[in-house]
Every structure is written in C-alpha cells, then in structure tokens.
Protein backbone atom coordinates (compact mmCIF):
# COMPACT_ATOMS: atom_id res chain seq x y z
CA UNK A 1 -46.12 -42.70 59.14
CA UNK A 2 -42.80 -43.14 61.03
CA UNK A 3 -40.84 -41.32 58.12
CA UNK A 4 -43.60 -38.32 57.70
CA UNK A 5 -42.84 -37.63 61.85
CA UNK A 6 -39.19 -37.83 61.51
CA UNK A 7 -39.35 -35.47 58.23
CA UNK A 8 -41.35 -32.98 60.68
CA UNK A 9 -39.47 -33.39 63.65
CA UNK A 10 -36.47 -32.60 61.94
CA UNK A 11 -37.73 -29.31 61.02
CA UNK A 12 -37.82 -28.33 64.74
CA UNK A 13 -34.43 -26.47 66.44
CA UNK A 14 -32.37 -29.36 68.66
CA UNK A 15 -34.19 -26.84 71.49
CA UNK A 16 -38.02 -27.63 70.83
CA UNK A 17 -36.87 -31.52 69.99
CA UNK A 18 -35.74 -31.40 73.72
CA UNK A 19 -38.82 -29.58 75.19
CA UNK A 20 -41.07 -31.94 73.40
CA UNK A 21 -38.83 -34.63 74.75
CA UNK A 22 -39.47 -33.15 78.19
CA UNK A 23 -43.13 -32.76 77.74
CA UNK A 24 -43.89 -36.32 77.29
CA UNK A 25 -41.42 -36.98 79.92
CA UNK A 26 -38.73 -38.45 77.84
CA UNK A 27 -35.23 -37.56 78.74
CA UNK A 28 -34.19 -33.66 77.80
CA UNK A 29 -31.21 -33.82 75.42
CA UNK A 30 -29.77 -31.12 73.41
CA UNK A 31 -28.32 -32.91 70.66
CA UNK A 32 -31.20 -32.71 67.65
CA UNK A 33 -30.21 -36.35 66.83
CA UNK A 34 -30.64 -37.62 69.87
CA UNK A 35 -33.95 -36.25 70.87
CA UNK A 36 -35.06 -37.00 67.06
CA UNK A 37 -34.04 -40.85 67.89
CA UNK A 38 -35.75 -41.00 71.08
CA UNK A 39 -39.18 -39.80 70.09
CA UNK A 40 -38.96 -41.88 66.91
CA UNK A 41 -38.82 -44.80 69.40
CA UNK A 42 -41.05 -43.64 71.43
CA UNK A 43 -43.53 -43.53 68.70
CA UNK A 44 -42.36 -47.20 67.82
CA UNK A 45 -41.41 -48.87 70.86
CA UNK A 46 -41.37 -52.07 69.79
CA UNK A 47 -40.97 -51.58 65.81
CA UNK A 48 -44.90 -50.76 65.30
CA UNK A 49 -46.35 -47.09 65.43
CA UNK A 50 -48.88 -46.48 67.78
CA UNK A 51 -51.18 -43.93 66.76
CA UNK A 52 -52.10 -42.55 70.14
CA UNK A 53 -48.30 -42.20 70.82
CA UNK A 54 -47.87 -40.05 67.56
CA UNK A 55 -50.62 -37.94 68.54
CA UNK A 56 -49.08 -37.08 71.66
CA UNK A 57 -45.65 -35.94 69.57
CA UNK A 58 -47.66 -33.98 67.33
CA UNK A 59 -49.57 -32.14 69.94
CA UNK A 60 -46.35 -30.45 70.54
CA UNK A 61 -45.04 -29.81 67.57
CA UNK A 62 -44.74 -26.59 66.39
CA UNK A 63 -47.92 -26.19 63.83
CA UNK A 64 -45.77 -24.30 61.43
CA UNK A 65 -43.57 -26.77 60.67
CA UNK A 66 -46.59 -29.22 60.20
CA UNK A 67 -48.35 -26.72 57.83
CA UNK A 68 -44.97 -26.61 55.82
CA UNK A 69 -44.35 -30.33 55.69
CA UNK A 70 -48.49 -30.72 54.19
CA UNK A 71 -48.24 -27.94 51.91
CA UNK A 72 -44.73 -29.09 50.34
CA UNK A 73 -46.20 -32.62 49.93
CA UNK A 74 -49.89 -31.62 48.38
CA UNK A 75 -48.20 -28.96 45.88
CA UNK A 76 -45.69 -31.52 44.67
CA UNK A 77 -48.33 -34.06 44.56
CA UNK A 78 -50.82 -31.74 42.68
CA UNK A 79 -47.91 -30.32 40.19
CA UNK A 80 -46.86 -34.25 39.65
CA UNK A 81 -50.52 -34.98 38.76
CA UNK A 82 -50.83 -31.59 36.71
CA UNK A 83 -47.70 -32.10 34.54
CA UNK A 84 -48.55 -36.21 33.86
CA UNK A 85 -52.05 -35.06 32.68
CA UNK A 86 -50.91 -31.70 30.86
CA UNK A 87 -52.65 -31.57 27.56
CA UNK A 88 -50.50 -30.99 24.49
C-alpha cells in the first residue's frame, strides 16, 4: 500500500504536496521530495501503514491522480491477462 500511495503522491506538484501537508498539520515544504517523504512517514509512523492515516491523506489528494493511477493499473492487468490467455 505504501508504494501505491507514494506513486499517486508523486503525480502531485510540490505545491499540492505542501498543501496536503498543511491540511494534515504537518510542516509545509515547497520541495516535492521533502513533502512526499513527510507524508509517507505520516502514514507509516513506525514502519507500519495505518489505514486511518492513509484515508486522511487520500481525502486531500486530487481525485484525477487517483483515477489515473487506478485506471493505469486496471488496464495494465487487463491487457496482461488478455495477452496471456490469447487464443491462437
């Protein structure tokens, strides 16, 4: 889950990531990588993903990035499945 969340967060601009940090009460940073690391550490405070914290981050994400990520993975898996089971 951590990798998927990071992938979606990486689609955001540095300003968007900083804004999400601000809404969650975290330090607002303008460097994208710093904000990204801070958000990942927020949802995994002791190395374990806390679902409730993931929900809080996702509530503040731009939905377009989430849909893009989900559709990309869905289409990738669908095409992989179709090609693997192609009738010759």
